[in-house]
Structure formats: C-alpha cells, structure tokens
Amino acid sequence: MLLSVAVTQQTTSLPRKPPDFLVLLADDTGFGDLSVNGHPTIRTPNIDSLAHGGMRFTQWYSAFHVCSPSRAAMLTGRLPIRSGTAGDGWTGGVFGSCATGGLPHNETTFAEALKTGGYATGMVGKWHLGQREEFLPTNNGFDEYFGLPYSDDMGSSAWDHYNNTLRPPLPLLHNTTVIEQPTDLGTLTQRYADYATDFINRKKDEPFVLYMAFS
C-alpha cells in the first residue's frame, strides 16, 4: 500500500484507485499454529509470505469466543452485546441451523459502509449470522455470496451423516439459492479458493472488498 501511495503521488494525472481489501478468517487457528509465529512442525509458507511482505499485528482480541457473536463484532465493529448477538453460556449467541433470527437489520457492516464508497463487495465461506434469506450476506451489504450459512457440523454431510429434523442436510448457497445439499466438504475449500480468485479477477479494475471465512 505504501508503494501504491508513492506511485500515485508521482503520477498525479492518473485517477487514484482506492485500496482493495481481502479479509481472511479461519476458525480455531491459534497464534502458535503458524510457522511464521514459530510452530516447530507446521509449515504455512503462503501465510508466512503475506506476513513478511506486509504489516503484522501480533496482539488481537476477539470480541467473543464462539462463531456468531465474534463475526457480528468483526463485521460491525461493535461489541456483540450491543448488536444483540451475545448470550449466556459458552455457546451463547450462536445461531443454529433452524434459527429464526440473525444480525439485526439496524446494524451496519463494513460491506455496507464500503458500498457507499463505490466498492464491489463479495463474501465467501461460513456466514453464521442468520440462515433466513433476510439475514444472509446479500442483505447485509455483500453483492454476492458463496458458502455455508452456518457451521459445517450443523447439518448432515458425508463427513457427519445423521438423521435429525432440526438439522437438515448441510446446504451450500450461491447468493440466496441452495446449489448443493448436502455439501461436498471434501472439495469445498478448493471451491472457496476458486470462487474468491474469480471474484478478484472480475473486480480487479474497480475497488473491492472480499471477506473470506473458512469453515
């Protein structure tokens, strides 16, 4: 980003393109799980490359310890208790596969804020802030969405097959349409990467934000 600013200052006749944003979120990845942070056996060369080529922040606190409220906080910049997504107990605030609620409509996500600045907005991966259409990413500032509406253990799949009327087969969504059910989890990570790459290639000539949440 510093190089981009320097070039812009030297070529003032060219229109300045706002910076793009790529937000990567991985469930249950600890600070010490990356080789760049000193893990003795795990190798993470691509993440290490990002760390060495950019700015590293080595101290960060999640606003909550479970899925839904922590995501609500990251997307809105507000404590979960203020958005009504926190609850009691260690699973407090998690929206299940049959939840009727989700992220309140009066909350503003960073996608909604950036759209007002002309950004293309995309989301790939685990949402977990409400599975009804009115609460999905496309109703929270994202132009397009490809992913799971909640955790991969909240629906039957080839990895975890069971019969439960409260937990239907795990759905994979494109925007608001179920395109696969149950989801093939064995190929999902690569499909996430392919969709994200395609989004970046399609939007490279305009400012974009891509939020990619691995399950």
C-alpha atoms as a PDB file:
ATOM      1  CA  MET A   1       0.000   0.000   0.000  1.00  0.00           C
ATOM      2  CA  LEU A   2       2.898   2.371   0.707  1.00  0.00           C
ATOM      3  CA  LEU A   3       4.271   1.716  -2.777  1.00  0.00           C
ATOM      4  CA  SER A   4       0.867   2.457  -4.283  1.00  0.00           C
ATOM      5  CA  VAL A   5       0.693   5.792  -2.470  1.00  0.00           C
ATOM      6  CA  ALA A   6       4.189   6.714  -3.657  1.00  0.00           C
ATOM      7  CA  VAL A   7       3.343   5.930  -7.274  1.00  0.00           C
ATOM      8  CA  THR A   8       0.106   7.898  -7.064  1.00  0.00           C
ATOM      9  CA  GLN A   9       1.923  10.932  -5.778  1.00  0.00           C
ATOM     10  CA  GLN A  10       4.382  10.828  -8.689  1.00  0.00           C
ATOM     11  CA  THR A  11       1.705  10.336 -11.351  1.00  0.00           C
ATOM     12  CA  THR A  12      -0.971  12.759 -10.231  1.00  0.00           C
ATOM     13  CA  SER A  13      -2.561  12.831 -13.696  1.00  0.00           C
ATOM     14  CA  LEU A  14      -3.786   9.257 -13.264  1.00  0.00           C
ATOM     15  CA  PRO A  15      -7.011   8.585 -11.346  1.00  0.00           C
ATOM     16  CA  ARG A  16      -6.331   7.161  -7.914  1.00  0.00           C
ATOM     17  CA  LYS A  17      -7.922   3.763  -7.256  1.00  0.00           C
ATOM     18  CA  PRO A  18      -8.899   3.196  -3.622  1.00  0.00           C
ATOM     19  CA  PRO A  19      -7.198   0.248  -1.898  1.00  0.00           C
ATOM     20  CA  ASP A  20      -8.738  -3.207  -2.165  1.00  0.00           C
ATOM     21  CA  PHE A  21      -9.457  -5.250   0.963  1.00  0.00           C
ATOM     22  CA  LEU A  22      -9.153  -9.016   1.416  1.00  0.00           C
ATOM     23  CA  VAL A  23     -10.289 -10.251   4.836  1.00  0.00           C
ATOM     24  CA  LEU A  24      -9.373 -13.860   5.665  1.00  0.00           C
ATOM     25  CA  LEU A  25     -10.932 -15.530   8.706  1.00  0.00           C
ATOM     26  CA  ALA A  26     -10.049 -19.071   9.814  1.00  0.00           C
ATOM     27  CA  ASP A  27     -11.926 -20.838  12.592  1.00  0.00           C
ATOM     28  CA  ASP A  28      -9.887 -22.134  15.533  1.00  0.00           C
ATOM     29  CA  THR A  29      -6.480 -21.062  14.243  1.00  0.00           C
ATOM     30  CA  GLY A  30      -4.247 -20.250  17.180  1.00  0.00           C
ATOM     31  CA  PHE A  31      -1.405 -17.726  17.186  1.00  0.00           C
ATOM     32  CA  GLY A  32       1.126 -20.525  17.562  1.00  0.00           C
ATOM     33  CA  ASP A  33      -0.303 -22.656  14.735  1.00  0.00           C
ATOM     34  CA  LEU A  34       1.617 -20.756  12.030  1.00  0.00           C
ATOM     35  CA  SER A  35       5.241 -21.334  11.117  1.00  0.00           C
ATOM     36  CA  VAL A  36       5.788 -17.575  10.898  1.00  0.00           C
ATOM     37  CA  ASN A  37       4.985 -17.483  14.618  1.00  0.00           C
ATOM     38  CA  GLY A  38       7.412 -20.279  15.430  1.00  0.00           C
ATOM     39  CA  HIS A  39       5.478 -23.551  15.205  1.00  0.00           C
ATOM     40  CA  PRO A  40       8.121 -26.324  15.108  1.00  0.00           C
ATOM     41  CA  THR A  41       6.375 -28.738  12.701  1.00  0.00           C
ATOM     42  CA  ILE A  42       3.511 -26.979  10.852  1.00  0.00           C
ATOM     43  CA  ARG A  43       4.542 -25.162   7.666  1.00  0.00           C
ATOM     44  CA  THR A  44       2.437 -22.280   6.363  1.00  0.00           C
ATOM     45  CA  PRO A  45       4.580 -20.734   3.587  1.00  0.00           C
ATOM     46  CA  ASN A  46       1.845 -18.707   1.892  1.00  0.00           C
ATOM     47  CA  ILE A  47       0.688 -17.092   5.129  1.00  0.00           C
ATOM     48  CA  ASP A  48       4.338 -16.527   6.055  1.00  0.00           C
ATOM     49  CA  SER A  49       4.842 -14.724   2.740  1.00  0.00           C
ATOM     50  CA  LEU A  50       1.934 -12.388   3.479  1.00  0.00           C
ATOM     51  CA  ALA A  51       3.358 -11.698   6.924  1.00  0.00           C
ATOM     52  CA  HIS A  52       6.855 -10.962   5.627  1.00  0.00           C
ATOM     53  CA  GLY A  53       5.585  -8.735   2.809  1.00  0.00           C
ATOM     54  CA  GLY A  54       3.107  -6.681   4.769  1.00  0.00           C
ATOM     55  CA  MET A  55       2.308  -5.292   8.193  1.00  0.00           C
ATOM     56  CA  ARG A  56       1.967  -7.731  11.094  1.00  0.00           C
ATOM     57  CA  PHE A  57      -0.177  -7.185  14.154  1.00  0.00           C
ATOM     58  CA  THR A  58       0.820  -9.586  16.909  1.00  0.00           C
ATOM     59  CA  GLN A  59      -1.843  -8.785  19.508  1.00  0.00           C
ATOM     60  CA  TRP A  60      -5.566  -9.033  18.907  1.00  0.00           C
ATOM     61  CA  TYR A  61      -8.626  -9.946  20.942  1.00  0.00           C
ATOM     62  CA  SER A  62     -11.810 -11.479  19.621  1.00  0.00           C
ATOM     63  CA  ALA A  63     -14.981  -9.866  20.933  1.00  0.00           C
ATOM     64  CA  PHE A  64     -16.398 -13.299  21.746  1.00  0.00           C
ATOM     65  CA  HIS A  65     -15.202 -16.902  21.820  1.00  0.00           C
ATOM     66  CA  VAL A  66     -17.810 -18.512  19.555  1.00  0.00           C
ATOM     67  CA  CYS A  67     -18.933 -18.132  15.956  1.00  0.00           C
ATOM     68  CA  SER A  68     -21.900 -15.786  15.581  1.00  0.00           C
ATOM     69  CA  PRO A  69     -21.148 -13.024  18.107  1.00  0.00           C
ATOM     70  CA  SER A  70     -17.459 -12.829  17.146  1.00  0.00           C
ATOM     71  CA  ARG A  71     -18.395 -12.469  13.466  1.00  0.00           C
ATOM     72  CA  ALA A  72     -21.017  -9.841  14.272  1.00  0.00           C
ATOM     73  CA  ALA A  73     -18.380  -7.831  16.112  1.00  0.00           C
ATOM     74  CA  MET A  74     -15.834  -8.070  13.290  1.00  0.00           C
ATOM     75  CA  LEU A  75     -18.356  -7.092  10.610  1.00  0.00           C
ATOM     76  CA  THR A  76     -19.882  -4.180  12.534  1.00  0.00           C
ATOM     77  CA  GLY A  77     -17.076  -3.026  14.829  1.00  0.00           C
ATOM     78  CA  ARG A  78     -19.431  -3.248  17.796  1.00  0.00           C
ATOM     79  CA  LEU A  79     -19.439  -5.452  20.869  1.00  0.00           C
ATOM     80  CA  PRO A  80     -21.840  -8.415  20.449  1.00  0.00           C
ATOM     81  CA  ILE A  81     -23.934  -7.352  23.423  1.00  0.00           C
ATOM     82  CA  ARG A  82     -24.730  -4.082  21.622  1.00  0.00           C
ATOM     83  CA  SER A  83     -25.960  -5.882  18.493  1.00  0.00           C
ATOM     84  CA  GLY A  84     -27.962  -8.430  20.472  1.00  0.00           C
ATOM     85  CA  THR A  85     -25.846 -11.360  19.268  1.00  0.00           C
ATOM     86  CA  ALA A  86     -24.348 -12.339  22.638  1.00  0.00           C
ATOM     87  CA  GLY A  87     -25.982 -14.786  25.019  1.00  0.00           C
ATOM     88  CA  ASP A  88     -25.372 -16.660  28.244  1.00  0.00           C
ATOM     89  CA  GLY A  89     -23.436 -19.923  28.455  1.00  0.00           C
ATOM     90  CA  TRP A  90     -20.379 -20.858  26.429  1.00  0.00           C
ATOM     91  CA  THR A  91     -22.455 -21.198  23.224  1.00  0.00           C
ATOM     92  CA  GLY A  92     -24.437 -18.045  23.908  1.00  0.00           C
ATOM     93  CA  GLY A  93     -25.448 -16.126  20.816  1.00  0.00           C
ATOM     94  CA  VAL A  94     -24.750 -18.855  18.235  1.00  0.00           C
ATOM     95  CA  PHE A  95     -27.404 -19.026  15.516  1.00  0.00           C
ATOM     96  CA  GLY A  96     -28.329 -22.644  14.804  1.00  0.00           C
ATOM     97  CA  SER A  97     -29.451 -24.208  11.556  1.00  0.00           C
ATOM     98  CA  CYS A  98     -33.110 -23.533  12.410  1.00  0.00           C
ATOM     99  CA  ALA A  99     -32.608 -20.050  13.868  1.00  0.00           C
ATOM    100  CA  THR A 100     -35.344 -17.567  13.064  1.00  0.00           C
ATOM    101  CA  GLY A 101     -33.166 -14.552  13.859  1.00  0.00           C
ATOM    102  CA  GLY A 102     -29.870 -13.127  12.706  1.00  0.00           C
ATOM    103  CA  LEU A 103     -27.774  -9.986  12.624  1.00  0.00           C
ATOM    104  CA  PRO A 104     -30.247  -7.147  13.299  1.00  0.00           C
ATOM    105  CA  HIS A 105     -31.200  -5.054  10.285  1.00  0.00           C
ATOM    106  CA  ASN A 106     -30.194  -1.820  12.001  1.00  0.00           C
ATOM    107  CA  GLU A 107     -26.557  -2.913  12.226  1.00  0.00           C
ATOM    108  CA  THR A 108     -24.116  -1.601   9.587  1.00  0.00           C
ATOM    109  CA  THR A 109     -21.464  -3.985   8.252  1.00  0.00           C
ATOM    110  CA  PHE A 110     -18.174  -2.887   6.733  1.00  0.00           C
ATOM    111  CA  ALA A 111     -19.539  -4.144   3.389  1.00  0.00           C
ATOM    112  CA  GLU A 112     -22.467  -1.732   3.600  1.00  0.00           C
ATOM    113  CA  ALA A 113     -20.136   1.115   4.542  1.00  0.00           C
ATOM    114  CA  LEU A 114     -17.740   0.408   1.671  1.00  0.00           C
ATOM    115  CA  LYS A 115     -20.568   0.099  -0.865  1.00  0.00           C
ATOM    116  CA  THR A 116     -21.361   3.758  -0.267  1.00  0.00           C
ATOM    117  CA  GLY A 117     -17.808   4.462  -1.480  1.00  0.00           C
ATOM    118  CA  GLY A 118     -18.299   2.563  -4.729  1.00  0.00           C
ATOM    119  CA  TYR A 119     -16.791  -0.765  -3.666  1.00  0.00           C
ATOM    120  CA  ALA A 120     -17.756  -4.137  -5.107  1.00  0.00           C
ATOM    121  CA  THR A 121     -18.400  -6.457  -2.161  1.00  0.00           C
ATOM    122  CA  GLY A 122     -18.147 -10.231  -2.007  1.00  0.00           C
ATOM    123  CA  MET A 123     -18.296 -12.879   0.688  1.00  0.00           C
ATOM    124  CA  VAL A 124     -17.059 -16.478   0.514  1.00  0.00           C
ATOM    125  CA  GLY A 125     -17.372 -19.114   3.227  1.00  0.00           C
ATOM    126  CA  LYS A 126     -19.114 -19.532   6.553  1.00  0.00           C
ATOM    127  CA  TRP A 127     -21.630 -16.781   7.346  1.00  0.00           C
ATOM    128  CA  HIS A 128     -23.309 -17.845  10.620  1.00  0.00           C
ATOM    129  CA  LEU A 129     -25.292 -14.675  11.250  1.00  0.00           C
ATOM    130  CA  GLY A 130     -28.725 -15.965  10.339  1.00  0.00           C
ATOM    131  CA  GLN A 131     -29.818 -18.551   7.789  1.00  0.00           C
ATOM    132  CA  ARG A 132     -33.089 -16.974   6.660  1.00  0.00           C
ATOM    133  CA  GLU A 133     -32.861 -15.023   3.407  1.00  0.00           C
ATOM    134  CA  GLU A 134     -33.403 -11.666   5.103  1.00  0.00           C
ATOM    135  CA  PHE A 135     -30.247 -12.192   7.196  1.00  0.00           C
ATOM    136  CA  LEU A 136     -27.916 -13.606   4.538  1.00  0.00           C
ATOM    137  CA  PRO A 137     -24.839 -11.683   3.280  1.00  0.00           C
ATOM    138  CA  THR A 138     -26.668 -10.335   0.216  1.00  0.00           C
ATOM    139  CA  ASN A 139     -28.976  -8.473   2.617  1.00  0.00           C
ATOM    140  CA  ASN A 140     -26.061  -7.197   4.665  1.00  0.00           C
ATOM    141  CA  GLY A 141     -24.086  -5.267   2.085  1.00  0.00           C
ATOM    142  CA  PHE A 142     -22.494  -8.026   0.006  1.00  0.00           C
ATOM    143  CA  ASP A 143     -23.168  -8.073  -3.736  1.00  0.00           C
ATOM    144  CA  GLU A 144     -22.571 -11.806  -3.955  1.00  0.00           C
ATOM    145  CA  TYR A 145     -22.110 -14.770  -1.672  1.00  0.00           C
ATOM    146  CA  PHE A 146     -20.845 -18.342  -1.976  1.00  0.00           C
ATOM    147  CA  GLY A 147     -20.701 -20.514   1.115  1.00  0.00           C
ATOM    148  CA  LEU A 148     -22.358 -22.197   4.087  1.00  0.00           C
ATOM    149  CA  PRO A 149     -24.980 -20.293   6.097  1.00  0.00           C
ATOM    150  CA  TYR A 150     -23.704 -21.811   9.377  1.00  0.00           C
ATOM    151  CA  SER A 151     -21.118 -24.250  10.774  1.00  0.00           C
ATOM    152  CA  ASP A 152     -20.331 -27.394   8.807  1.00  0.00           C
ATOM    153  CA  ASP A 153     -21.247 -29.538  11.846  1.00  0.00           C
ATOM    154  CA  MET A 154     -24.791 -28.153  11.974  1.00  0.00           C
ATOM    155  CA  GLY A 155     -26.051 -30.247   9.066  1.00  0.00           C
ATOM    156  CA  SER A 156     -25.678 -33.797   7.838  1.00  0.00           C
ATOM    157  CA  SER A 157     -22.934 -34.419   5.269  1.00  0.00           C
ATOM    158  CA  ALA A 158     -20.716 -37.228   4.047  1.00  0.00           C
ATOM    159  CA  TRP A 159     -18.345 -36.289   6.868  1.00  0.00           C
ATOM    160  CA  ASP A 160     -21.028 -36.454   9.559  1.00  0.00           C
ATOM    161  CA  HIS A 161     -24.134 -38.310   8.413  1.00  0.00           C
ATOM    162  CA  TYR A 162     -27.182 -38.415  10.672  1.00  0.00           C
ATOM    163  CA  ASN A 163     -30.937 -38.003  10.580  1.00  0.00           C
ATOM    164  CA  ASN A 164     -32.237 -35.020  12.516  1.00  0.00           C
ATOM    165  CA  THR A 165     -35.280 -32.967  11.532  1.00  0.00           C
ATOM    166  CA  LEU A 166     -33.837 -29.949  13.341  1.00  0.00           C
ATOM    167  CA  ARG A 167     -30.622 -30.149  11.341  1.00  0.00           C
ATOM    168  CA  PRO A 168     -31.319 -30.721   7.622  1.00  0.00           C
ATOM    169  CA  PRO A 169     -28.539 -31.756   5.202  1.00  0.00           C
ATOM    170  CA  LEU A 170     -25.840 -29.093   5.043  1.00  0.00           C
ATOM    171  CA  PRO A 171     -26.658 -26.546   2.277  1.00  0.00           C
ATOM    172  CA  LEU A 172     -24.221 -24.697   0.017  1.00  0.00           C
ATOM    173  CA  LEU A 173     -25.535 -21.334  -1.169  1.00  0.00           C
ATOM    174  CA  HIS A 174     -24.825 -19.046  -4.092  1.00  0.00           C
ATOM    175  CA  ASN A 175     -26.341 -15.720  -3.105  1.00  0.00           C
ATOM    176  CA  THR A 176     -29.705 -16.923  -1.741  1.00  0.00           C
ATOM    177  CA  THR A 177     -30.059 -20.143  -3.758  1.00  0.00           C
ATOM    178  CA  VAL A 178     -29.184 -23.603  -2.446  1.00  0.00           C
ATOM    179  CA  ILE A 179     -26.964 -25.122  -5.149  1.00  0.00           C
ATOM    180  CA  GLU A 180     -25.870 -28.291  -3.323  1.00  0.00           C
ATOM    181  CA  GLN A 181     -27.303 -30.271  -0.427  1.00  0.00           C
ATOM    182  CA  PRO A 182     -25.644 -31.986   1.339  1.00  0.00           C
ATOM    183  CA  THR A 183     -22.445 -30.052   0.668  1.00  0.00           C
ATOM    184  CA  ASP A 184     -19.407 -31.980  -0.534  1.00  0.00           C
ATOM    185  CA  LEU A 185     -16.998 -30.871   2.188  1.00  0.00           C
ATOM    186  CA  GLY A 186     -14.112 -32.761   0.593  1.00  0.00           C
ATOM    187  CA  THR A 187     -13.931 -30.228  -2.257  1.00  0.00           C
ATOM    188  CA  LEU A 188     -15.290 -27.152  -0.507  1.00  0.00           C
ATOM    189  CA  THR A 189     -12.014 -25.425   0.402  1.00  0.00           C
ATOM    190  CA  GLN A 190     -10.778 -25.550  -3.189  1.00  0.00           C
ATOM    191  CA  ARG A 191     -14.125 -24.275  -4.452  1.00  0.00           C
ATOM    192  CA  TYR A 192     -13.918 -21.409  -1.990  1.00  0.00           C
ATOM    193  CA  ALA A 193     -10.472 -20.536  -3.341  1.00  0.00           C
ATOM    194  CA  ASP A 194     -11.637 -20.799  -6.963  1.00  0.00           C
ATOM    195  CA  TYR A 195     -14.635 -18.531  -6.351  1.00  0.00           C
ATOM    196  CA  ALA A 196     -12.511 -15.986  -4.494  1.00  0.00           C
ATOM    197  CA  THR A 197      -9.928 -15.939  -7.289  1.00  0.00           C
ATOM    198  CA  ASP A 198     -12.669 -15.461  -9.868  1.00  0.00           C
ATOM    199  CA  PHE A 199     -14.191 -12.599  -7.866  1.00  0.00           C
ATOM    200  CA  ILE A 200     -10.849 -10.808  -7.606  1.00  0.00           C
ATOM    201  CA  ASN A 201     -10.191 -11.229 -11.339  1.00  0.00           C
ATOM    202  CA  ARG A 202     -13.654  -9.911 -12.216  1.00  0.00           C
ATOM    203  CA  LYS A 203     -13.362  -6.911  -9.890  1.00  0.00           C
ATOM    204  CA  LYS A 204      -9.675  -6.046 -10.281  1.00  0.00           C
ATOM    205  CA  ASP A 205     -10.392  -2.848 -12.225  1.00  0.00           C
ATOM    206  CA  GLU A 206     -12.629  -1.432  -9.517  1.00  0.00           C
ATOM    207  CA  PRO A 207     -12.219  -1.120  -5.750  1.00  0.00           C
ATOM    208  CA  PHE A 208     -13.377  -4.276  -3.979  1.00  0.00           C
ATOM    209  CA  VAL A 209     -13.624  -5.919  -0.592  1.00  0.00           C
ATOM    210  CA  LEU A 210     -13.688  -9.703  -0.291  1.00  0.00           C
ATOM    211  CA  TYR A 211     -14.478 -11.322   3.048  1.00  0.00           C
ATOM    212  CA  MET A 212     -13.401 -14.981   3.033  1.00  0.00           C
ATOM    213  CA  ALA A 213     -14.323 -17.051   6.085  1.00  0.00           C
ATOM    214  CA  PHE A 214     -13.020 -20.607   6.067  1.00  0.00           C
ATOM    215  CA  SER A 215     -15.251 -23.140   7.837  1.00  0.00           C
END
